Amino acid sequence: MAELVVLGLGHKHIARRLNVSESAVEKHLTRVLEKTGCGSLTELTARWNRRPMS
């Protein structure tokens, strides 16, 4: 899901692509932000783009 955020997709488009509800996307992204310590999706995107590629 983080990759879809990084690609610039909104919650509605992510929900459609993953065949889940928008509220499920919002809840999941909230948990991702909490676990990563990111304060926003912008910060998450920046961290995602800086991660080491394996």
C-alpha atoms as a PDB file:
ATOM      1  CA  MET A   1       0.000   0.000   0.000  1.00  0.00           C
ATOM      2  CA  ALA A   2       2.891   2.343   0.708  1.00  0.00           C
ATOM      3  CA  GLU A   3       4.043   1.935  -2.893  1.00  0.00           C
ATOM      4  CA  LEU A   4       0.637   3.088  -4.126  1.00  0.00           C
ATOM      5  CA  VAL A   5       0.841   6.175  -1.904  1.00  0.00           C
ATOM      6  CA  VAL A   6       4.320   6.886  -3.273  1.00  0.00           C
ATOM      7  CA  LEU A   7       2.926   6.623  -6.788  1.00  0.00           C
ATOM      8  CA  GLY A   8       0.550   9.434  -5.854  1.00  0.00           C
ATOM      9  CA  LEU A   9      -2.690   7.480  -5.770  1.00  0.00           C
ATOM     10  CA  GLY A  10      -5.436   8.765  -3.506  1.00  0.00           C
ATOM     11  CA  HIS A  11      -7.338   6.661  -1.006  1.00  0.00           C
ATOM     12  CA  LYS A  12     -10.208   6.072  -3.423  1.00  0.00           C
ATOM     13  CA  HIS A  13      -7.909   4.800  -6.169  1.00  0.00           C
ATOM     14  CA  ILE A  14      -5.946   2.614  -3.760  1.00  0.00           C
ATOM     15  CA  ALA A  15      -9.188   1.128  -2.449  1.00  0.00           C
ATOM     16  CA  ARG A  16     -10.377   0.339  -5.961  1.00  0.00           C
ATOM     17  CA  ARG A  17      -7.044  -1.161  -6.965  1.00  0.00           C
ATOM     18  CA  LEU A  18      -6.911  -3.388  -3.868  1.00  0.00           C
ATOM     19  CA  ASN A  19     -10.646  -4.102  -3.851  1.00  0.00           C
ATOM     20  CA  VAL A  20     -11.106  -2.842  -0.289  1.00  0.00           C
ATOM     21  CA  SER A  21     -13.071   0.017   1.244  1.00  0.00           C
ATOM     22  CA  GLU A  22     -11.668   3.524   1.547  1.00  0.00           C
ATOM     23  CA  SER A  23     -11.989   3.244   5.319  1.00  0.00           C
ATOM     24  CA  ALA A  24      -9.814   0.105   5.241  1.00  0.00           C
ATOM     25  CA  VAL A  25      -7.170   2.057   3.324  1.00  0.00           C
ATOM     26  CA  GLU A  26      -7.319   4.919   5.823  1.00  0.00           C
ATOM     27  CA  LYS A  27      -7.055   2.561   8.811  1.00  0.00           C
ATOM     28  CA  HIS A  28      -4.127   0.686   7.280  1.00  0.00           C
ATOM     29  CA  LEU A  29      -2.262   3.865   6.384  1.00  0.00           C
ATOM     30  CA  THR A  30      -2.842   5.231   9.896  1.00  0.00           C
ATOM     31  CA  ARG A  31      -1.222   2.081  11.301  1.00  0.00           C
ATOM     32  CA  VAL A  32       1.661   2.348   8.834  1.00  0.00           C
ATOM     33  CA  LEU A  33       2.270   5.951   9.906  1.00  0.00           C
ATOM     34  CA  GLU A  34       2.169   4.947  13.581  1.00  0.00           C
ATOM     35  CA  LYS A  35       4.580   2.035  13.114  1.00  0.00           C
ATOM     36  CA  THR A  36       7.045   4.029  11.025  1.00  0.00           C
ATOM     37  CA  GLY A  37       6.850   7.128  13.198  1.00  0.00           C
ATOM     38  CA  CYS A  38       5.991   9.248  10.167  1.00  0.00           C
ATOM     39  CA  GLY A  39       3.820  12.282  10.768  1.00  0.00           C
ATOM     40  CA  SER A  40       2.342  12.389   7.287  1.00  0.00           C
ATOM     41  CA  LEU A  41       2.060  10.547   4.006  1.00  0.00           C
ATOM     42  CA  THR A  42       4.572  13.035   2.598  1.00  0.00           C
ATOM     43  CA  GLU A  43       7.124  11.945   5.183  1.00  0.00           C
ATOM     44  CA  LEU A  44       6.332   8.283   4.504  1.00  0.00           C
ATOM     45  CA  THR A  45       6.891   8.892   0.786  1.00  0.00           C
ATOM     46  CA  ALA A  46      10.248  10.550   1.455  1.00  0.00           C
ATOM     47  CA  ARG A  47      11.381   7.667   3.658  1.00  0.00           C
ATOM     48  CA  TRP A  48      10.140   5.109   1.120  1.00  0.00           C
ATOM     49  CA  ASN A  49      12.169   6.758  -1.627  1.00  0.00           C
ATOM     50  CA  ARG A  50      15.322   6.769   0.563  1.00  0.00           C
ATOM     51  CA  ARG A  51      15.083   3.110   1.621  1.00  0.00           C
ATOM     52  CA  PRO A  52      17.913   0.814   0.560  1.00  0.00           C
ATOM     53  CA  MET A  53      17.096  -1.288  -2.457  1.00  0.00           C
ATOM     54  CA  SER A  54      17.776  -4.977  -2.001  1.00  0.00           C
END
